[in-house]
Amino acid sequence: MNLTRKRTGAKLSRIVIHNETVYLCGQIPAGLNDDIVGQTKAVLASIDSDLEEAGTDKSKLLSALIHVKDNKDVATFNELWNAWLPEGCAPARTCVQSTMANDAVLVEVTVIAAL
């Protein structure tokens, strides 16, 4: 079994690679003063960066779990998501409205990708 953890802290690893699969922890924006557009762009950039560190990219996404604070933001999120995702590479996906651990967070995305 091949298992690698990257940027591991007391409660989570940002990246876990098991065999040929990459698991990212939930990605939230660093700047919490932005609107849904700014927060979504920050989250997608963070995903790109972590996938690159793991040795893969968004064209190899297998699944995505998306939490939005308010369903009114789903259409805006989807517009940005669709522009970010390479054509023909849509992962299995779930999008839910959620109460966030930090009230300023408007979106959180967790992805799994192949290497």
PDB file of N, CA and C in Angstrom:
ATOM      1  N   MET A   1       0.847  -1.176   0.000  1.00  0.00           N
ATOM      2  CA  MET A   1       0.000   0.000   0.000  1.00  0.00           C
ATOM      3  C   MET A   1       0.892   1.238   0.000  1.00  0.00           C
ATOM      4  N   ASN A   2       0.547   2.186  -0.854  1.00  0.00           N
ATOM      5  CA  ASN A   2       1.270   3.445  -0.941  1.00  0.00           C
ATOM      6  C   ASN A   2       0.397   4.547  -0.350  1.00  0.00           C
ATOM      7  N   LEU A   3       0.870   5.189   0.729  1.00  0.00           N
ATOM      8  CA  LEU A   3       0.116   6.239   1.402  1.00  0.00           C
ATOM      9  C   LEU A   3       1.047   7.391   1.745  1.00  0.00           C
ATOM     10  N   THR A   4       0.681   8.600   1.275  1.00  0.00           N
ATOM     11  CA  THR A   4       1.460   9.803   1.542  1.00  0.00           C
ATOM     12  C   THR A   4       0.530  10.877   2.068  1.00  0.00           C
ATOM     13  N   ARG A   5       0.945  11.552   3.137  1.00  0.00           N
ATOM     14  CA  ARG A   5       0.192  12.681   3.686  1.00  0.00           C
ATOM     15  C   ARG A   5       1.060  13.929   3.543  1.00  0.00           C
ATOM     16  N   LYS A   6       0.443  15.017   3.086  1.00  0.00           N
ATOM     17  CA  LYS A   6       1.167  16.274   2.907  1.00  0.00           C
ATOM     18  C   LYS A   6       0.500  17.370   3.717  1.00  0.00           C
ATOM     19  N   ARG A   7       1.342  18.230   4.290  1.00  0.00           N
ATOM     20  CA  ARG A   7       0.894  19.344   5.126  1.00  0.00           C
ATOM     21  C   ARG A   7      -0.075  18.856   6.201  1.00  0.00           C
ATOM     22  N   THR A   8       0.441  17.933   6.990  1.00  0.00           N
ATOM     23  CA  THR A   8      -0.340  17.305   8.054  1.00  0.00           C
ATOM     24  C   THR A   8      -0.232  18.113   9.340  1.00  0.00           C
ATOM     25  N   GLY A   9      -1.378  18.348   9.950  1.00  0.00           N
ATOM     26  CA  GLY A   9      -1.446  19.022  11.242  1.00  0.00           C
ATOM     27  C   GLY A   9      -2.084  18.110  12.262  1.00  0.00           C
ATOM     28  N   ALA A  10      -2.481  18.673  13.374  1.00  0.00           N
ATOM     29  CA  ALA A  10      -3.066  17.889  14.458  1.00  0.00           C
ATOM     30  C   ALA A  10      -4.397  17.266  14.065  1.00  0.00           C
ATOM     31  N   LYS A  11      -5.202  17.971  13.246  1.00  0.00           N
ATOM     32  CA  LYS A  11      -6.542  17.452  12.945  1.00  0.00           C
ATOM     33  C   LYS A  11      -6.765  17.053  11.500  1.00  0.00           C
ATOM     34  N   LEU A  12      -5.838  17.407  10.580  1.00  0.00           N
ATOM     35  CA  LEU A  12      -6.055  17.028   9.184  1.00  0.00           C
ATOM     36  C   LEU A  12      -4.776  17.114   8.380  1.00  0.00           C
ATOM     37  N   SER A  13      -4.802  16.440   7.256  1.00  0.00           N
ATOM     38  CA  SER A  13      -3.780  16.587   6.220  1.00  0.00           C
ATOM     39  C   SER A  13      -4.449  17.298   5.061  1.00  0.00           C
ATOM     40  N   ARG A  14      -3.774  18.281   4.475  1.00  0.00           N
ATOM     41  CA  ARG A  14      -4.382  18.994   3.338  1.00  0.00           C
ATOM     42  C   ARG A  14      -4.481  18.084   2.127  1.00  0.00           C
ATOM     43  N   ILE A  15      -3.514  17.183   1.982  1.00  0.00           N
ATOM     44  CA  ILE A  15      -3.466  16.283   0.828  1.00  0.00           C
ATOM     45  C   ILE A  15      -3.134  14.884   1.335  1.00  0.00           C
ATOM     46  N   VAL A  16      -3.902  13.905   0.880  1.00  0.00           N
ATOM     47  CA  VAL A  16      -3.588  12.497   1.146  1.00  0.00           C
ATOM     48  C   VAL A  16      -3.585  11.786  -0.197  1.00  0.00           C
ATOM     49  N   ILE A  17      -2.510  11.048  -0.451  1.00  0.00           N
ATOM     50  CA  ILE A  17      -2.398  10.267  -1.683  1.00  0.00           C
ATOM     51  C   ILE A  17      -2.352   8.804  -1.284  1.00  0.00           C
ATOM     52  N   HIS A  18      -3.308   8.051  -1.777  1.00  0.00           N
ATOM     53  CA  HIS A  18      -3.372   6.617  -1.509  1.00  0.00           C
ATOM     54  C   HIS A  18      -3.401   5.902  -2.844  1.00  0.00           C
ATOM     55  N   ASN A  19      -2.363   5.098  -3.088  1.00  0.00           N
ATOM     56  CA  ASN A  19      -2.196   4.433  -4.374  1.00  0.00           C
ATOM     57  C   ASN A  19      -2.261   5.479  -5.481  1.00  0.00           C
ATOM     58  N   GLU A  20      -3.230   5.470  -6.347  1.00  0.00           N
ATOM     59  CA  GLU A  20      -3.306   6.406  -7.477  1.00  0.00           C
ATOM     60  C   GLU A  20      -4.432   7.418  -7.304  1.00  0.00           C
ATOM     61  N   THR A  21      -4.827   7.677  -6.056  1.00  0.00           N
ATOM     62  CA  THR A  21      -5.938   8.587  -5.789  1.00  0.00           C
ATOM     63  C   THR A  21      -5.489   9.687  -4.837  1.00  0.00           C
ATOM     64  N   VAL A  22      -5.904  10.926  -5.141  1.00  0.00           N
ATOM     65  CA  VAL A  22      -5.566  12.104  -4.344  1.00  0.00           C
ATOM     66  C   VAL A  22      -6.828  12.609  -3.673  1.00  0.00           C
ATOM     67  N   TYR A  23      -6.745  12.798  -2.363  1.00  0.00           N
ATOM     68  CA  TYR A  23      -7.850  13.332  -1.566  1.00  0.00           C
ATOM     69  C   TYR A  23      -7.429  14.687  -1.012  1.00  0.00           C
ATOM     70  N   LEU A  24      -8.216  15.716  -1.275  1.00  0.00           N
ATOM     71  CA  LEU A  24      -7.944  17.026  -0.690  1.00  0.00           C
ATOM     72  C   LEU A  24      -8.920  17.282   0.445  1.00  0.00           C
ATOM     73  N   CYS A  25      -8.434  17.959   1.484  1.00  0.00           N
ATOM     74  CA  CYS A  25      -9.343  18.376   2.545  1.00  0.00           C
ATOM     75  C   CYS A  25     -10.268  19.462   1.984  1.00  0.00           C
ATOM     76  N   GLY A  26     -11.295  19.791   2.715  1.00  0.00           N
ATOM     77  CA  GLY A  26     -12.199  20.840   2.280  1.00  0.00           C
ATOM     78  C   GLY A  26     -11.452  22.151   2.100  1.00  0.00           C
ATOM     79  N   GLN A  27     -11.632  22.781   0.960  1.00  0.00           N
ATOM     80  CA  GLN A  27     -10.943  24.022   0.633  1.00  0.00           C
ATOM     81  C   GLN A  27     -11.872  25.199   0.895  1.00  0.00           C
ATOM     82  N   ILE A  28     -11.411  26.111   1.741  1.00  0.00           N
ATOM     83  CA  ILE A  28     -12.155  27.345   1.989  1.00  0.00           C
ATOM     84  C   ILE A  28     -11.258  28.512   1.603  1.00  0.00           C
ATOM     85  N   PRO A  29     -11.845  29.676   1.354  1.00  0.00           N
ATOM     86  CA  PRO A  29     -11.029  30.830   0.954  1.00  0.00           C
ATOM     87  C   PRO A  29     -10.220  31.364   2.126  1.00  0.00           C
ATOM     88  N   ALA A  30      -9.030  31.890   1.824  1.00  0.00           N
ATOM     89  CA  ALA A  30      -8.208  32.515   2.860  1.00  0.00           C
ATOM     90  C   ALA A  30      -8.806  33.856   3.266  1.00  0.00           C
ATOM     91  N   GLY A  31      -9.270  34.616   2.279  1.00  0.00           N
ATOM     92  CA  GLY A  31      -9.873  35.919   2.547  1.00  0.00           C
ATOM     93  C   GLY A  31     -11.372  35.792   2.695  1.00  0.00           C
ATOM     94  N   LEU A  32     -11.857  36.065   3.874  1.00  0.00           N
ATOM     95  CA  LEU A  32     -13.283  35.835   4.131  1.00  0.00           C
ATOM     96  C   LEU A  32     -14.142  37.088   3.955  1.00  0.00           C
ATOM     97  N   ASN A  33     -13.554  38.180   3.493  1.00  0.00           N
ATOM     98  CA  ASN A  33     -14.335  39.397   3.267  1.00  0.00           C
ATOM     99  C   ASN A  33     -14.909  39.466   1.863  1.00  0.00           C
ATOM    100  N   ASP A  34     -14.522  38.530   0.991  1.00  0.00           N
ATOM    101  CA  ASP A  34     -14.992  38.525  -0.398  1.00  0.00           C
ATOM    102  C   ASP A  34     -16.419  38.004  -0.499  1.00  0.00           C
ATOM    103  N   ASP A  35     -17.075  38.339  -1.613  1.00  0.00           N
ATOM    104  CA  ASP A  35     -18.394  37.802  -1.919  1.00  0.00           C
ATOM    105  C   ASP A  35     -18.232  36.393  -2.486  1.00  0.00           C
ATOM    106  N   ILE A  36     -19.321  35.794  -2.945  1.00  0.00           N
ATOM    107  CA  ILE A  36     -19.270  34.416  -3.449  1.00  0.00           C
ATOM    108  C   ILE A  36     -18.329  34.289  -4.645  1.00  0.00           C
ATOM    109  N   VAL A  37     -18.251  35.315  -5.482  1.00  0.00           N
ATOM    110  CA  VAL A  37     -17.347  35.265  -6.640  1.00  0.00           C
ATOM    111  C   VAL A  37     -15.895  35.189  -6.168  1.00  0.00           C
ATOM    112  N   GLY A  38     -15.497  36.106  -5.299  1.00  0.00           N
ATOM    113  CA  GLY A  38     -14.126  36.120  -4.804  1.00  0.00           C
ATOM    114  C   GLY A  38     -13.767  34.863  -4.034  1.00  0.00           C
ATOM    115  N   GLN A  39     -14.688  34.401  -3.188  1.00  0.00           N
ATOM    116  CA  GLN A  39     -14.418  33.192  -2.410  1.00  0.00           C
ATOM    117  C   GLN A  39     -14.324  31.963  -3.308  1.00  0.00           C
ATOM    118  N   THR A  40     -15.195  31.873  -4.296  1.00  0.00           N
ATOM    119  CA  THR A  40     -15.150  30.720  -5.205  1.00  0.00           C
ATOM    120  C   THR A  40     -13.847  30.707  -5.991  1.00  0.00           C
ATOM    121  N   LYS A  41     -13.448  31.851  -6.521  1.00  0.00           N
ATOM    122  CA  LYS A  41     -12.186  31.919  -7.268  1.00  0.00           C
ATOM    123  C   LYS A  41     -11.006  31.520  -6.387  1.00  0.00           C
ATOM    124  N   ALA A  42     -11.005  31.950  -5.134  1.00  0.00           N
ATOM    125  CA  ALA A  42      -9.930  31.586  -4.209  1.00  0.00           C
ATOM    126  C   ALA A  42      -9.911  30.085  -3.936  1.00  0.00           C
ATOM    127  N   VAL A  43     -11.076  29.505  -3.744  1.00  0.00           N
ATOM    128  CA  VAL A  43     -11.169  28.065  -3.476  1.00  0.00           C
ATOM    129  C   VAL A  43     -10.690  27.263  -4.690  1.00  0.00           C
ATOM    130  N   LEU A  44     -11.114  27.643  -5.878  1.00  0.00           N
ATOM    131  CA  LEU A  44     -10.705  26.920  -7.087  1.00  0.00           C
ATOM    132  C   LEU A  44      -9.198  27.053  -7.316  1.00  0.00           C
ATOM    133  N   ALA A  45      -8.627  28.213  -7.038  1.00  0.00           N
ATOM    134  CA  ALA A  45      -7.177  28.392  -7.150  1.00  0.00           C
ATOM    135  C   ALA A  45      -6.446  27.514  -6.136  1.00  0.00           C
ATOM    136  N   SER A  46      -6.992  27.401  -4.932  1.00  0.00           N
ATOM    137  CA  SER A  46      -6.398  26.547  -3.907  1.00  0.00           C
ATOM    138  C   SER A  46      -6.428  25.079  -4.335  1.00  0.00           C
ATOM    139  N   ILE A  47      -7.536  24.669  -4.927  1.00  0.00           N
ATOM    140  CA  ILE A  47      -7.635  23.290  -5.435  1.00  0.00           C
ATOM    141  C   ILE A  47      -6.579  23.059  -6.513  1.00  0.00           C
ATOM    142  N   ASP A  48      -6.454  23.998  -7.453  1.00  0.00           N
ATOM    143  CA  ASP A  48      -5.430  23.870  -8.497  1.00  0.00           C
ATOM    144  C   ASP A  48      -4.044  23.695  -7.884  1.00  0.00           C
ATOM    145  N   SER A  49      -3.726  24.512  -6.904  1.00  0.00           N
ATOM    146  CA  SER A  49      -2.409  24.482  -6.271  1.00  0.00           C
ATOM    147  C   SER A  49      -2.161  23.150  -5.555  1.00  0.00           C
ATOM    148  N   ASP A  50      -3.143  22.694  -4.793  1.00  0.00           N
ATOM    149  CA  ASP A  50      -2.975  21.436  -4.058  1.00  0.00           C
ATOM    150  C   ASP A  50      -2.910  20.237  -4.995  1.00  0.00           C
ATOM    151  N   LEU A  51      -3.712  20.251  -6.049  1.00  0.00           N
ATOM    152  CA  LEU A  51      -3.631  19.153  -7.021  1.00  0.00           C
ATOM    153  C   LEU A  51      -2.271  19.124  -7.700  1.00  0.00           C
ATOM    154  N   GLU A  52      -1.736  20.303  -8.037  1.00  0.00           N
ATOM    155  CA  GLU A  52      -0.402  20.368  -8.641  1.00  0.00           C
ATOM    156  C   GLU A  52       0.650  19.815  -7.683  1.00  0.00           C
ATOM    157  N   GLU A  53       0.560  20.193  -6.410  1.00  0.00           N
ATOM    158  CA  GLU A  53       1.503  19.673  -5.416  1.00  0.00           C
ATOM    159  C   GLU A  53       1.426  18.147  -5.320  1.00  0.00           C
ATOM    160  N   ALA A  54       0.239  17.608  -5.504  1.00  0.00           N
ATOM    161  CA  ALA A  54       0.051  16.153  -5.430  1.00  0.00           C
ATOM    162  C   ALA A  54       0.467  15.440  -6.712  1.00  0.00           C
ATOM    163  N   GLY A  55       0.688  16.205  -7.790  1.00  0.00           N
ATOM    164  CA  GLY A  55       1.120  15.595  -9.046  1.00  0.00           C
ATOM    165  C   GLY A  55      -0.012  15.310 -10.014  1.00  0.00           C
ATOM    166  N   THR A  56      -1.112  16.050  -9.888  1.00  0.00           N
ATOM    167  CA  THR A  56      -2.245  15.844 -10.784  1.00  0.00           C
ATOM    168  C   THR A  56      -2.872  17.197 -11.111  1.00  0.00           C
ATOM    169  N   ASP A  57      -4.051  17.188 -11.711  1.00  0.00           N
ATOM    170  CA  ASP A  57      -4.726  18.445 -12.040  1.00  0.00           C
ATOM    171  C   ASP A  57      -6.234  18.223 -12.139  1.00  0.00           C
ATOM    172  N   LYS A  58      -6.967  19.309 -12.364  1.00  0.00           N
ATOM    173  CA  LYS A  58      -8.431  19.270 -12.357  1.00  0.00           C
ATOM    174  C   LYS A  58      -9.026  18.446 -13.487  1.00  0.00           C
ATOM    175  N   SER A  59      -8.265  18.128 -14.507  1.00  0.00           N
ATOM    176  CA  SER A  59      -8.785  17.275 -15.578  1.00  0.00           C
ATOM    177  C   SER A  59      -8.967  15.839 -15.114  1.00  0.00           C
ATOM    178  N   LYS A  60      -8.415  15.514 -13.941  1.00  0.00           N
ATOM    179  CA  LYS A  60      -8.489  14.149 -13.407  1.00  0.00           C
ATOM    180  C   LYS A  60      -9.382  14.048 -12.177  1.00  0.00           C
ATOM    181  N   LEU A  61     -10.254  15.057 -11.978  1.00  0.00           N
ATOM    182  CA  LEU A  61     -11.176  15.002 -10.844  1.00  0.00           C
ATOM    183  C   LEU A  61     -12.104  13.804 -10.969  1.00  0.00           C
ATOM    184  N   LEU A  62     -12.301  13.116  -9.864  1.00  0.00           N
ATOM    185  CA  LEU A  62     -13.233  11.984  -9.799  1.00  0.00           C
ATOM    186  C   LEU A  62     -14.550  12.400  -9.152  1.00  0.00           C
ATOM    187  N   SER A  63     -14.445  13.183  -8.069  1.00  0.00           N
ATOM    188  CA  SER A  63     -15.657  13.629  -7.386  1.00  0.00           C
ATOM    189  C   SER A  63     -15.418  14.967  -6.709  1.00  0.00           C
ATOM    190  N   ALA A  64     -16.536  15.667  -6.464  1.00  0.00           N
ATOM    191  CA  ALA A  64     -16.491  16.957  -5.766  1.00  0.00           C
ATOM    192  C   ALA A  64     -17.691  17.041  -4.838  1.00  0.00           C
ATOM    193  N   LEU A  65     -17.433  17.510  -3.625  1.00  0.00           N
ATOM    194  CA  LEU A  65     -18.481  17.787  -2.649  1.00  0.00           C
ATOM    195  C   LEU A  65     -18.438  19.277  -2.380  1.00  0.00           C
ATOM    196  N   ILE A  66     -19.513  19.971  -2.732  1.00  0.00           N
ATOM    197  CA  ILE A  66     -19.572  21.425  -2.644  1.00  0.00           C
ATOM    198  C   ILE A  66     -20.583  21.817  -1.583  1.00  0.00           C
ATOM    199  N   HIS A  67     -20.130  22.670  -0.659  1.00  0.00           N
ATOM    200  CA  HIS A  67     -21.004  23.233   0.366  1.00  0.00           C
ATOM    201  C   HIS A  67     -21.131  24.725   0.087  1.00  0.00           C
ATOM    202  N   VAL A  68     -22.350  25.211  -0.056  1.00  0.00           N
ATOM    203  CA  VAL A  68     -22.592  26.645  -0.161  1.00  0.00           C
ATOM    204  C   VAL A  68     -23.410  27.068   1.048  1.00  0.00           C
ATOM    205  N   LYS A  69     -23.125  28.246   1.543  1.00  0.00           N
ATOM    206  CA  LYS A  69     -23.842  28.740   2.717  1.00  0.00           C
ATOM    207  C   LYS A  69     -25.292  29.044   2.377  1.00  0.00           C
ATOM    208  N   ASP A  70     -25.533  29.545   1.156  1.00  0.00           N
ATOM    209  CA  ASP A  70     -26.876  29.950   0.756  1.00  0.00           C
ATOM    210  C   ASP A  70     -27.144  29.485  -0.670  1.00  0.00           C
ATOM    211  N   ASN A  71     -28.245  28.779  -0.869  1.00  0.00           N
ATOM    212  CA  ASN A  71     -28.585  28.267  -2.193  1.00  0.00           C
ATOM    213  C   ASN A  71     -28.701  29.357  -3.251  1.00  0.00           C
ATOM    214  N   LYS A  72     -28.915  30.610  -2.844  1.00  0.00           N
ATOM    215  CA  LYS A  72     -28.999  31.698  -3.825  1.00  0.00           C
ATOM    216  C   LYS A  72     -27.671  31.881  -4.556  1.00  0.00           C
ATOM    217  N   ASP A  73     -26.573  31.362  -4.006  1.00  0.00           N
ATOM    218  CA  ASP A  73     -25.258  31.498  -4.620  1.00  0.00           C
ATOM    219  C   ASP A  73     -24.882  30.348  -5.553  1.00  0.00           C
ATOM    220  N   VAL A  74     -25.729  29.339  -5.661  1.00  0.00           N
ATOM    221  CA  VAL A  74     -25.383  28.161  -6.465  1.00  0.00           C
ATOM    222  C   VAL A  74     -25.203  28.516  -7.938  1.00  0.00           C
ATOM    223  N   ALA A  75     -26.072  29.332  -8.500  1.00  0.00           N
ATOM    224  CA  ALA A  75     -25.954  29.690  -9.922  1.00  0.00           C
ATOM    225  C   ALA A  75     -24.635  30.409 -10.196  1.00  0.00           C
ATOM    226  N   THR A  76     -24.251  31.326  -9.314  1.00  0.00           N
ATOM    227  CA  THR A  76     -22.978  32.036  -9.474  1.00  0.00           C
ATOM    228  C   THR A  76     -21.815  31.065  -9.336  1.00  0.00           C
ATOM    229  N   PHE A  77     -21.871  30.196  -8.327  1.00  0.00           N
ATOM    230  CA  PHE A  77     -20.827  29.192  -8.161  1.00  0.00           C
ATOM    231  C   PHE A  77     -20.721  28.333  -9.416  1.00  0.00           C
ATOM    232  N   ASN A  78     -21.860  27.854  -9.928  1.00  0.00           N
ATOM    233  CA  ASN A  78     -21.846  26.978 -11.102  1.00  0.00           C
ATOM    234  C   ASN A  78     -21.229  27.658 -12.322  1.00  0.00           C
ATOM    235  N   GLU A  79     -21.493  28.936 -12.495  1.00  0.00           N
ATOM    236  CA  GLU A  79     -20.915  29.676 -13.625  1.00  0.00           C
ATOM    237  C   GLU A  79     -19.384  29.674 -13.527  1.00  0.00           C
ATOM    238  N   LEU A  80     -18.862  29.941 -12.349  1.00  0.00           N
ATOM    239  CA  LEU A  80     -17.411  29.945 -12.152  1.00  0.00           C
ATOM    240  C   LEU A  80     -16.831  28.535 -12.257  1.00  0.00           C
ATOM    241  N   TRP A  81     -17.520  27.566 -11.687  1.00  0.00           N
ATOM    242  CA  TRP A  81     -17.094  26.163 -11.748  1.00  0.00           C
ATOM    243  C   TRP A  81     -17.011  25.692 -13.197  1.00  0.00           C
ATOM    244  N   ASN A  82     -18.050  25.980 -13.979  1.00  0.00           N
ATOM    245  CA  ASN A  82     -18.087  25.540 -15.375  1.00  0.00           C
ATOM    246  C   ASN A  82     -16.966  26.171 -16.192  1.00  0.00           C
ATOM    247  N   ALA A  83     -16.631  27.432 -15.923  1.00  0.00           N
ATOM    248  CA  ALA A  83     -15.538  28.097 -16.629  1.00  0.00           C
ATOM    249  C   ALA A  83     -14.175  27.526 -16.214  1.00  0.00           C
ATOM    250  N   TRP A  84     -14.069  27.082 -14.976  1.00  0.00           N
ATOM    251  CA  TRP A  84     -12.813  26.555 -14.440  1.00  0.00           C
ATOM    252  C   TRP A  84     -12.547  25.118 -14.880  1.00  0.00           C
ATOM    253  N   LEU A  85     -13.583  24.318 -14.967  1.00  0.00           N
ATOM    254  CA  LEU A  85     -13.452  22.891 -15.245  1.00  0.00           C
ATOM    255  C   LEU A  85     -13.205  22.655 -16.731  1.00  0.00           C
ATOM    256  N   PRO A  86     -12.194  21.857 -17.095  1.00  0.00           N
ATOM    257  CA  PRO A  86     -11.975  21.559 -18.506  1.00  0.00           C
ATOM    258  C   PRO A  86     -13.178  20.815 -19.107  1.00  0.00           C
ATOM    259  N   GLU A  87     -13.478  21.121 -20.347  1.00  0.00           N
ATOM    260  CA  GLU A  87     -14.612  20.480 -21.023  1.00  0.00           C
ATOM    261  C   GLU A  87     -14.418  18.961 -21.050  1.00  0.00           C
ATOM    262  N   GLY A  88     -15.486  18.247 -20.762  1.00  0.00           N
ATOM    263  CA  GLY A  88     -15.461  16.795 -20.782  1.00  0.00           C
ATOM    264  C   GLY A  88     -14.857  16.161 -19.540  1.00  0.00           C
ATOM    265  N   CYS A  89     -14.556  16.956 -18.510  1.00  0.00           N
ATOM    266  CA  CYS A  89     -13.893  16.444 -17.305  1.00  0.00           C
ATOM    267  C   CYS A  89     -14.748  16.588 -16.054  1.00  0.00           C
ATOM    268  N   ALA A  90     -16.055  16.671 -16.203  1.00  0.00           N
ATOM    269  CA  ALA A  90     -16.927  16.862 -15.045  1.00  0.00           C
ATOM    270  C   ALA A  90     -16.869  15.639 -14.123  1.00  0.00           C
ATOM    271  N   PRO A  91     -16.601  15.863 -12.832  1.00  0.00           N
ATOM    272  CA  PRO A  91     -16.564  14.757 -11.876  1.00  0.00           C
ATOM    273  C   PRO A  91     -17.973  14.414 -11.383  1.00  0.00           C
ATOM    274  N   ALA A  92     -18.090  13.305 -10.686  1.00  0.00           N
ATOM    275  CA  ALA A  92     -19.299  13.065  -9.910  1.00  0.00           C
ATOM    276  C   ALA A  92     -19.359  14.196  -8.895  1.00  0.00           C
ATOM    277  N   ARG A  93     -20.560  14.735  -8.632  1.00  0.00           N
ATOM    278  CA  ARG A  93     -20.620  15.961  -7.839  1.00  0.00           C
ATOM    279  C   ARG A  93     -21.871  16.007  -6.978  1.00  0.00           C
ATOM    280  N   THR A  94     -21.701  16.558  -5.782  1.00  0.00           N
ATOM    281  CA  THR A  94     -22.810  16.858  -4.891  1.00  0.00           C
ATOM    282  C   THR A  94     -22.674  18.305  -4.476  1.00  0.00           C
ATOM    283  N   CYS A  95     -23.782  19.036  -4.457  1.00  0.00           N
ATOM    284  CA  CYS A  95     -23.779  20.430  -4.019  1.00  0.00           C
ATOM    285  C   CYS A  95     -24.912  20.594  -3.014  1.00  0.00           C
ATOM    286  N   VAL A  96     -24.558  21.031  -1.809  1.00  0.00           N
ATOM    287  CA  VAL A  96     -25.545  21.162  -0.742  1.00  0.00           C
ATOM    288  C   VAL A  96     -25.428  22.518  -0.065  1.00  0.00           C
ATOM    289  N   GLN A  97     -26.542  22.974   0.481  1.00  0.00           N
ATOM    290  CA  GLN A  97     -26.529  24.158   1.339  1.00  0.00           C
ATOM    291  C   GLN A  97     -26.142  23.697   2.735  1.00  0.00           C
ATOM    292  N   SER A  98     -25.200  24.410   3.356  1.00  0.00           N
ATOM    293  CA  SER A  98     -24.675  23.971   4.647  1.00  0.00           C
ATOM    294  C   SER A  98     -24.495  25.131   5.610  1.00  0.00           C
ATOM    295  N   THR A  99     -24.616  24.827   6.877  1.00  0.00           N
ATOM    296  CA  THR A  99     -24.187  25.749   7.915  1.00  0.00           C
ATOM    297  C   THR A  99     -22.676  25.603   8.001  1.00  0.00           C
ATOM    298  N   MET A 100     -21.973  26.719   7.906  1.00  0.00           N
ATOM    299  CA  MET A 100     -20.512  26.672   7.896  1.00  0.00           C
ATOM    300  C   MET A 100     -19.967  26.814   9.320  1.00  0.00           C
ATOM    301  N   ALA A 101     -18.808  26.225   9.564  1.00  0.00           N
ATOM    302  CA  ALA A 101     -18.165  26.327  10.874  1.00  0.00           C
ATOM    303  C   ALA A 101     -17.798  27.771  11.190  1.00  0.00           C
ATOM    304  N   ASN A 102     -17.430  28.521  10.157  1.00  0.00           N
ATOM    305  CA  ASN A 102     -17.154  29.959  10.282  1.00  0.00           C
ATOM    306  C   ASN A 102     -18.220  30.673   9.462  1.00  0.00           C
ATOM    307  N   ASP A 103     -18.970  31.547  10.071  1.00  0.00           N
ATOM    308  CA  ASP A 103     -20.101  32.201   9.419  1.00  0.00           C
ATOM    309  C   ASP A 103     -19.702  33.031   8.198  1.00  0.00           C
ATOM    310  N   ALA A 104     -18.433  33.437   8.095  1.00  0.00           N
ATOM    311  CA  ALA A 104     -17.979  34.248   6.966  1.00  0.00           C
ATOM    312  C   ALA A 104     -17.680  33.416   5.721  1.00  0.00           C
ATOM    313  N   VAL A 105     -17.568  32.094   5.880  1.00  0.00           N
ATOM    314  CA  VAL A 105     -17.293  31.212   4.739  1.00  0.00           C
ATOM    315  C   VAL A 105     -18.580  31.026   3.944  1.00  0.00           C
ATOM    316  N   LEU A 106     -18.510  31.313   2.643  1.00  0.00           N
ATOM    317  CA  LEU A 106     -19.672  31.179   1.765  1.00  0.00           C
ATOM    318  C   LEU A 106     -19.641  29.903   0.944  1.00  0.00           C
ATOM    319  N   VAL A 107     -18.441  29.306   0.774  1.00  0.00           N
ATOM    320  CA  VAL A 107     -18.305  28.101  -0.041  1.00  0.00           C
ATOM    321  C   VAL A 107     -17.121  27.272   0.446  1.00  0.00           C
ATOM    322  N   GLU A 108     -17.295  25.959   0.397  1.00  0.00           N
ATOM    323  CA  GLU A 108     -16.221  25.011   0.708  1.00  0.00           C
ATOM    324  C   GLU A 108     -16.328  23.870  -0.289  1.00  0.00           C
ATOM    325  N   VAL A 109     -15.189  23.442  -0.828  1.00  0.00           N
ATOM    326  CA  VAL A 109     -15.180  22.391  -1.836  1.00  0.00           C
ATOM    327  C   VAL A 109     -14.149  21.329  -1.449  1.00  0.00           C
ATOM    328  N   THR A 110     -14.568  20.076  -1.488  1.00  0.00           N
ATOM    329  CA  THR A 110     -13.697  18.935  -1.250  1.00  0.00           C
ATOM    330  C   THR A 110     -13.657  18.106  -2.532  1.00  0.00           C
ATOM    331  N   VAL A 111     -12.452  17.755  -2.988  1.00  0.00           N
ATOM    332  CA  VAL A 111     -12.352  16.971  -4.221  1.00  0.00           C
ATOM    333  C   VAL A 111     -11.473  15.741  -4.027  1.00  0.00           C
ATOM    334  N   ILE A 112     -11.722  14.763  -4.909  1.00  0.00           N
ATOM    335  CA  ILE A 112     -10.913  13.567  -5.031  1.00  0.00           C
ATOM    336  C   ILE A 112     -10.511  13.495  -6.496  1.00  0.00           C
ATOM    337  N   ALA A 113      -9.231  13.179  -6.753  1.00  0.00           N
ATOM    338  CA  ALA A 113      -8.747  13.121  -8.125  1.00  0.00           C
ATOM    339  C   ALA A 113      -7.854  11.897  -8.319  1.00  0.00           C
ATOM    340  N   ALA A 114      -7.723  11.470  -9.562  1.00  0.00           N
ATOM    341  CA  ALA A 114      -6.785  10.424  -9.919  1.00  0.00           C
ATOM    342  C   ALA A 114      -5.414  11.051 -10.163  1.00  0.00           C
ATOM    343  N   LEU A 115      -4.371  10.264  -9.989  1.00  0.00           N
ATOM    344  CA  LEU A 115      -3.016  10.762 -10.324  1.00  0.00           C
ATOM    345  C   LEU A 115      -2.809  10.696 -11.819  1.00  0.00           C
TER     346      LEU A 115
END
